[in-house]
Amino acid sequence: MPIDFALDIRQIFTAFMVLFAVIDITGAVPIIIDLNSSGKKVHAGKAAIISFFLMVLFMFLGEGLLKIFGVDIASFAIAGAIILIALAVEMTFNIEIFKNDGPSGHSTIVPMVFPLIAGAGTLTTTLSLRAEISVINLIIAIAVNMIVVYFVIKKVHIVERILGKAGIYILRKFFGVILLAMSVKLIVTNLTALLQ
């Protein structure tokens, strides 16, 4: 597909809104707080930059890359959902699954970048949007979303201060269950697609 350099505000806004809904960085606030409070520091700049490049790269090479490894999009989505289940179990039952034994900031990559920000849903949505929206407008929409992601992660301590320890504890348990339900739904939907 040739690259169209014509800027279209409507296309940028549409792509931004779709990706914002799929990424749902505001819904990830309790997870970010949980990772930070358990010593698994999430770096805002690193998370936003890596997510941006991952999404742009997947926009151009995604389908071909998955085909090289003999992986379809449904299997890719299920793999991401399994990581989310592990995170949900950790949040709900206070069981440490993502061991804090990696280099500083390793939680920025897993689970923050993948699957929370640039997960299977986000990457496949980016791939789908490319069919309707010009490449330059889609890249701008991704960049604006990553600016939002950066500020939400960077200023998460403000939310933490407002909620207090009790509020964070309740949110952690609640969103752990929500995350578990979302993961199950993602698995069931994609498993159905695989079986068909």
C-alpha atoms as a PDB file:
ATOM      1  CA  MET A   1       0.000   0.000   0.000  1.00  0.00           C
ATOM      2  CA  PRO A   2       1.506   3.374  -1.008  1.00  0.00           C
ATOM      3  CA  ILE A   3       2.088   5.893   1.779  1.00  0.00           C
ATOM      4  CA  ASP A   4      -0.322   8.839   1.583  1.00  0.00           C
ATOM      5  CA  PHE A   5       1.104  12.014   3.141  1.00  0.00           C
ATOM      6  CA  ALA A   6      -2.185  13.981   3.061  1.00  0.00           C
ATOM      7  CA  LEU A   7      -3.140  15.040   6.579  1.00  0.00           C
ATOM      8  CA  ASP A   8      -6.784  14.545   7.529  1.00  0.00           C
ATOM      9  CA  ILE A   9      -7.914  15.765  10.979  1.00  0.00           C
ATOM     10  CA  ARG A  10     -11.070  13.622  10.837  1.00  0.00           C
ATOM     11  CA  GLN A  11      -9.031  10.462  10.128  1.00  0.00           C
ATOM     12  CA  ILE A  12      -6.551  11.320  12.915  1.00  0.00           C
ATOM     13  CA  PHE A  13      -9.399  11.900  15.393  1.00  0.00           C
ATOM     14  CA  THR A  14     -11.201   8.669  14.386  1.00  0.00           C
ATOM     15  CA  ALA A  15      -8.031   6.572  14.669  1.00  0.00           C
ATOM     16  CA  PHE A  16      -7.104   8.270  17.972  1.00  0.00           C
ATOM     17  CA  MET A  17     -10.509   7.539  19.534  1.00  0.00           C
ATOM     18  CA  VAL A  18     -10.559   3.889  18.388  1.00  0.00           C
ATOM     19  CA  LEU A  19      -7.021   3.244  19.676  1.00  0.00           C
ATOM     20  CA  PHE A  20      -7.667   5.167  22.925  1.00  0.00           C
ATOM     21  CA  ALA A  21     -10.665   2.909  23.636  1.00  0.00           C
ATOM     22  CA  VAL A  22      -8.698  -0.273  22.859  1.00  0.00           C
ATOM     23  CA  ILE A  23      -5.551   0.725  24.801  1.00  0.00           C
ATOM     24  CA  ASP A  24      -7.701   1.928  27.759  1.00  0.00           C
ATOM     25  CA  ILE A  25      -4.728   3.380  29.655  1.00  0.00           C
ATOM     26  CA  THR A  26      -7.020   4.969  32.262  1.00  0.00           C
ATOM     27  CA  GLY A  27      -8.359   1.491  33.078  1.00  0.00           C
ATOM     28  CA  ALA A  28      -4.759   0.351  33.623  1.00  0.00           C
ATOM     29  CA  VAL A  29      -4.147   2.924  36.405  1.00  0.00           C
ATOM     30  CA  PRO A  30      -4.685   0.387  39.277  1.00  0.00           C
ATOM     31  CA  ILE A  31      -2.290  -2.032  37.522  1.00  0.00           C
ATOM     32  CA  ILE A  32       0.383   0.686  37.138  1.00  0.00           C
ATOM     33  CA  ILE A  33      -0.011   1.637  40.823  1.00  0.00           C
ATOM     34  CA  ASP A  34       0.197  -2.043  41.799  1.00  0.00           C
ATOM     35  CA  LEU A  35       3.387  -2.618  39.775  1.00  0.00           C
ATOM     36  CA  ASN A  36       5.034   0.538  41.181  1.00  0.00           C
ATOM     37  CA  SER A  37       4.062  -0.250  44.791  1.00  0.00           C
ATOM     38  CA  SER A  38       5.454  -3.795  44.533  1.00  0.00           C
ATOM     39  CA  GLY A  39       8.842  -2.480  43.379  1.00  0.00           C
ATOM     40  CA  LYS A  40       8.282  -3.205  39.686  1.00  0.00           C
ATOM     41  CA  LYS A  41       8.769   0.400  38.562  1.00  0.00           C
ATOM     42  CA  VAL A  42       7.143   1.308  35.244  1.00  0.00           C
ATOM     43  CA  HIS A  43       9.057   3.936  33.230  1.00  0.00           C
ATOM     44  CA  ALA A  44       6.613   6.250  31.436  1.00  0.00           C
ATOM     45  CA  GLY A  45       8.920   7.388  28.615  1.00  0.00           C
ATOM     46  CA  LYS A  46      10.264   3.920  27.905  1.00  0.00           C
ATOM     47  CA  ALA A  47       6.745   2.383  27.877  1.00  0.00           C
ATOM     48  CA  ALA A  48       5.385   5.057  25.495  1.00  0.00           C
ATOM     49  CA  ILE A  49       8.352   4.951  23.072  1.00  0.00           C
ATOM     50  CA  ILE A  50       8.558   1.138  22.884  1.00  0.00           C
ATOM     51  CA  SER A  51       4.759   0.881  22.456  1.00  0.00           C
ATOM     52  CA  PHE A  52       4.846   3.503  19.669  1.00  0.00           C
ATOM     53  CA  PHE A  53       7.568   1.698  17.695  1.00  0.00           C
ATOM     54  CA  LEU A  54       5.957  -1.696  18.283  1.00  0.00           C
ATOM     55  CA  MET A  55       2.592  -0.461  16.952  1.00  0.00           C
ATOM     56  CA  VAL A  56       4.103   1.275  13.901  1.00  0.00           C
ATOM     57  CA  LEU A  57       6.281  -1.759  13.143  1.00  0.00           C
ATOM     58  CA  PHE A  58       3.309  -4.112  13.483  1.00  0.00           C
ATOM     59  CA  MET A  59       1.249  -1.837  11.215  1.00  0.00           C
ATOM     60  CA  PHE A  60       3.726  -2.511   8.380  1.00  0.00           C
ATOM     61  CA  LEU A  61       5.043  -5.993   9.179  1.00  0.00           C
ATOM     62  CA  GLY A  62       2.469  -7.588  11.520  1.00  0.00           C
ATOM     63  CA  GLU A  63       0.680 -10.073   9.336  1.00  0.00           C
ATOM     64  CA  GLY A  64       3.853 -11.142   7.518  1.00  0.00           C
ATOM     65  CA  LEU A  65       5.773 -11.502  10.788  1.00  0.00           C
ATOM     66  CA  LEU A  66       3.123 -13.736  12.356  1.00  0.00           C
ATOM     67  CA  LYS A  67       2.989 -15.853   9.166  1.00  0.00           C
ATOM     68  CA  ILE A  68       6.781 -16.400   9.299  1.00  0.00           C
ATOM     69  CA  PHE A  69       6.340 -18.020  12.732  1.00  0.00           C
ATOM     70  CA  GLY A  70       3.203 -19.851  11.602  1.00  0.00           C
ATOM     71  CA  VAL A  71       1.100 -17.914  14.134  1.00  0.00           C
ATOM     72  CA  ASP A  72      -2.332 -16.490  13.360  1.00  0.00           C
ATOM     73  CA  ILE A  73      -3.846 -13.384  14.985  1.00  0.00           C
ATOM     74  CA  ALA A  74      -6.258 -15.451  17.129  1.00  0.00           C
ATOM     75  CA  SER A  75      -3.362 -17.458  18.656  1.00  0.00           C
ATOM     76  CA  PHE A  76      -1.448 -14.213  19.234  1.00  0.00           C
ATOM     77  CA  ALA A  77      -4.475 -12.744  21.064  1.00  0.00           C
ATOM     78  CA  ILE A  78      -4.800 -15.872  23.262  1.00  0.00           C
ATOM     79  CA  ALA A  79      -1.086 -15.633  24.213  1.00  0.00           C
ATOM     80  CA  GLY A  80      -1.620 -12.022  25.307  1.00  0.00           C
ATOM     81  CA  ALA A  81      -4.726 -13.034  27.286  1.00  0.00           C
ATOM     82  CA  ILE A  82      -2.745 -15.690  29.208  1.00  0.00           C
ATOM     83  CA  ILE A  83      -0.276 -12.998  30.355  1.00  0.00           C
ATOM     84  CA  LEU A  84      -3.247 -10.862  31.452  1.00  0.00           C
ATOM     85  CA  ILE A  85      -4.668 -13.826  33.428  1.00  0.00           C
ATOM     86  CA  ALA A  86      -1.339 -14.174  35.283  1.00  0.00           C
ATOM     87  CA  LEU A  87      -1.442 -10.456  36.124  1.00  0.00           C
ATOM     88  CA  ALA A  88      -5.113 -10.664  37.230  1.00  0.00           C
ATOM     89  CA  VAL A  89      -4.357 -13.634  39.531  1.00  0.00           C
ATOM     90  CA  GLU A  90      -1.438 -11.685  41.032  1.00  0.00           C
ATOM     91  CA  MET A  91      -3.675  -8.658  41.710  1.00  0.00           C
ATOM     92  CA  THR A  92      -6.621 -10.638  43.105  1.00  0.00           C
ATOM     93  CA  PHE A  93      -4.861 -13.255  45.248  1.00  0.00           C
ATOM     94  CA  ASN A  94      -1.607 -11.456  46.200  1.00  0.00           C
ATOM     95  CA  ILE A  95       0.447 -14.206  44.542  1.00  0.00           C
ATOM     96  CA  GLU A  96       3.707 -13.071  42.917  1.00  0.00           C
ATOM     97  CA  ILE A  97       3.890 -14.486  39.390  1.00  0.00           C
ATOM     98  CA  PHE A  98       5.992 -11.786  37.696  1.00  0.00           C
ATOM     99  CA  LYS A  99       9.080 -12.266  39.860  1.00  0.00           C
ATOM    100  CA  ASN A 100      10.991  -9.071  40.638  1.00  0.00           C
ATOM    101  CA  ASP A 101      14.323 -10.613  39.596  1.00  0.00           C
ATOM    102  CA  GLY A 102      14.897  -8.909  36.258  1.00  0.00           C
ATOM    103  CA  PRO A 103      16.841  -5.728  35.495  1.00  0.00           C
ATOM    104  CA  SER A 104      15.451  -2.401  36.709  1.00  0.00           C
ATOM    105  CA  GLY A 105      12.303  -1.467  34.801  1.00  0.00           C
ATOM    106  CA  HIS A 106      11.695  -4.925  33.287  1.00  0.00           C
ATOM    107  CA  SER A 107       7.984  -4.610  34.145  1.00  0.00           C
ATOM    108  CA  THR A 108       7.843  -1.738  31.660  1.00  0.00           C
ATOM    109  CA  ILE A 109       8.041  -4.330  28.859  1.00  0.00           C
ATOM    110  CA  VAL A 110       5.973  -7.199  30.345  1.00  0.00           C
ATOM    111  CA  PRO A 111       3.227  -6.699  31.341  1.00  0.00           C
ATOM    112  CA  MET A 112       3.059  -2.908  30.674  1.00  0.00           C
ATOM    113  CA  VAL A 113       3.966  -2.618  26.976  1.00  0.00           C
ATOM    114  CA  PHE A 114       2.728  -6.124  26.145  1.00  0.00           C
ATOM    115  CA  PRO A 115      -0.051  -6.967  26.648  1.00  0.00           C
ATOM    116  CA  LEU A 116      -1.472  -3.871  28.430  1.00  0.00           C
ATOM    117  CA  ILE A 117      -0.608  -1.028  26.003  1.00  0.00           C
ATOM    118  CA  ALA A 118       0.453  -2.687  22.756  1.00  0.00           C
ATOM    119  CA  GLY A 119      -1.353  -5.983  23.298  1.00  0.00           C
ATOM    120  CA  ALA A 120      -2.933  -8.276  20.733  1.00  0.00           C
ATOM    121  CA  GLY A 121      -6.104  -6.161  20.622  1.00  0.00           C
ATOM    122  CA  THR A 122      -4.211  -2.910  20.019  1.00  0.00           C
ATOM    123  CA  LEU A 123      -1.895  -4.422  17.397  1.00  0.00           C
ATOM    124  CA  THR A 124      -4.705  -6.081  15.437  1.00  0.00           C
ATOM    125  CA  THR A 125      -6.774  -2.851  15.638  1.00  0.00           C
ATOM    126  CA  THR A 126      -3.798  -0.908  14.233  1.00  0.00           C
ATOM    127  CA  LEU A 127      -3.573  -3.435  11.403  1.00  0.00           C
ATOM    128  CA  SER A 128      -7.310  -3.089  10.698  1.00  0.00           C
ATOM    129  CA  LEU A 129      -7.211   0.738  10.768  1.00  0.00           C
ATOM    130  CA  ARG A 130      -4.484   0.762   8.118  1.00  0.00           C
ATOM    131  CA  ALA A 131      -7.058  -0.472   5.579  1.00  0.00           C
ATOM    132  CA  GLU A 132      -9.253   2.616   6.177  1.00  0.00           C
ATOM    133  CA  ILE A 133      -6.868   5.392   7.282  1.00  0.00           C
ATOM    134  CA  SER A 134      -3.760   6.768   5.561  1.00  0.00           C
ATOM    135  CA  VAL A 135      -0.440   5.739   7.110  1.00  0.00           C
ATOM    136  CA  ILE A 136       0.631   9.271   8.115  1.00  0.00           C
ATOM    137  CA  ASN A 137      -2.685   9.977   9.885  1.00  0.00           C
ATOM    138  CA  LEU A 138      -2.541   6.631  11.681  1.00  0.00           C
ATOM    139  CA  ILE A 139       1.044   7.277  12.840  1.00  0.00           C
ATOM    140  CA  ILE A 140      -0.017  10.695  14.212  1.00  0.00           C
ATOM    141  CA  ALA A 141      -2.991   9.079  16.022  1.00  0.00           C
ATOM    142  CA  ILE A 142      -0.649   6.469  17.562  1.00  0.00           C
ATOM    143  CA  ALA A 143       1.809   9.217  18.624  1.00  0.00           C
ATOM    144  CA  VAL A 144      -0.955  11.283  20.313  1.00  0.00           C
ATOM    145  CA  ASN A 145      -2.155   8.156  22.161  1.00  0.00           C
ATOM    146  CA  MET A 146       1.405   7.506  23.365  1.00  0.00           C
ATOM    147  CA  ILE A 147       1.606  11.092  24.704  1.00  0.00           C
ATOM    148  CA  VAL A 148      -1.565  10.356  26.724  1.00  0.00           C
ATOM    149  CA  VAL A 149      -0.049   7.023  27.885  1.00  0.00           C
ATOM    150  CA  TYR A 150       3.134   8.843  28.974  1.00  0.00           C
ATOM    151  CA  PHE A 151       1.259  11.417  31.091  1.00  0.00           C
ATOM    152  CA  VAL A 152      -1.045   8.828  32.711  1.00  0.00           C
ATOM    153  CA  ILE A 153       1.922   6.635  33.769  1.00  0.00           C
ATOM    154  CA  LYS A 154       4.063   9.649  34.784  1.00  0.00           C
ATOM    155  CA  LYS A 155       1.340  11.250  36.937  1.00  0.00           C
ATOM    156  CA  VAL A 156      -0.124   8.030  38.395  1.00  0.00           C
ATOM    157  CA  HIS A 157       1.211   9.053  41.854  1.00  0.00           C
ATOM    158  CA  ILE A 158      -1.390  11.865  41.924  1.00  0.00           C
ATOM    159  CA  VAL A 159      -4.170   9.247  41.598  1.00  0.00           C
ATOM    160  CA  GLU A 160      -2.391   7.157  44.253  1.00  0.00           C
ATOM    161  CA  ARG A 161      -2.324  10.127  46.668  1.00  0.00           C
ATOM    162  CA  ILE A 162      -6.037  10.856  46.137  1.00  0.00           C
ATOM    163  CA  LEU A 163      -7.179   7.236  46.632  1.00  0.00           C
ATOM    164  CA  GLY A 164      -4.986   6.362  49.613  1.00  0.00           C
ATOM    165  CA  LYS A 165      -3.904   2.825  50.624  1.00  0.00           C
ATOM    166  CA  ALA A 166      -7.442   1.526  51.268  1.00  0.00           C
ATOM    167  CA  GLY A 167      -8.733   2.847  47.940  1.00  0.00           C
ATOM    168  CA  ILE A 168      -5.823   1.318  46.029  1.00  0.00           C
ATOM    169  CA  TYR A 169      -6.352  -2.046  47.784  1.00  0.00           C
ATOM    170  CA  ILE A 170     -10.056  -2.106  46.822  1.00  0.00           C
ATOM    171  CA  LEU A 171      -9.318  -0.986  43.243  1.00  0.00           C
ATOM    172  CA  ARG A 172      -6.592  -3.619  42.925  1.00  0.00           C
ATOM    173  CA  LYS A 173      -8.979  -6.442  43.858  1.00  0.00           C
ATOM    174  CA  PHE A 174     -11.822  -5.080  41.734  1.00  0.00           C
ATOM    175  CA  PHE A 175      -9.725  -4.539  38.615  1.00  0.00           C
ATOM    176  CA  GLY A 176      -8.033  -7.905  39.132  1.00  0.00           C
ATOM    177  CA  VAL A 177     -11.440  -9.584  38.699  1.00  0.00           C
ATOM    178  CA  ILE A 178     -12.334  -7.290  35.740  1.00  0.00           C
ATOM    179  CA  LEU A 179      -8.988  -8.080  34.076  1.00  0.00           C
ATOM    180  CA  LEU A 180      -9.588 -11.799  34.619  1.00  0.00           C
ATOM    181  CA  ALA A 181     -13.046 -11.540  33.018  1.00  0.00           C
ATOM    182  CA  MET A 182     -11.617  -9.597  30.032  1.00  0.00           C
ATOM    183  CA  SER A 183      -8.891 -12.218  29.579  1.00  0.00           C
ATOM    184  CA  VAL A 184     -11.410 -15.086  29.627  1.00  0.00           C
ATOM    185  CA  LYS A 185     -13.564 -13.273  27.059  1.00  0.00           C
ATOM    186  CA  LEU A 186     -10.501 -12.691  24.838  1.00  0.00           C
ATOM    187  CA  ILE A 187      -9.602 -16.393  25.022  1.00  0.00           C
ATOM    188  CA  VAL A 188     -13.158 -17.621  24.352  1.00  0.00           C
ATOM    189  CA  THR A 189     -13.652 -15.249  21.371  1.00  0.00           C
ATOM    190  CA  ASN A 190     -10.354 -16.173  19.740  1.00  0.00           C
ATOM    191  CA  LEU A 191     -10.622 -19.874  20.598  1.00  0.00           C
ATOM    192  CA  THR A 192     -14.010 -19.922  18.847  1.00  0.00           C
ATOM    193  CA  ALA A 193     -12.381 -18.293  15.801  1.00  0.00           C
ATOM    194  CA  LEU A 194      -9.572 -20.895  15.855  1.00  0.00           C
ATOM    195  CA  LEU A 195     -11.950 -23.857  16.169  1.00  0.00           C
ATOM    196  CA  GLN A 196     -14.079 -22.617  13.282  1.00  0.00           C
END
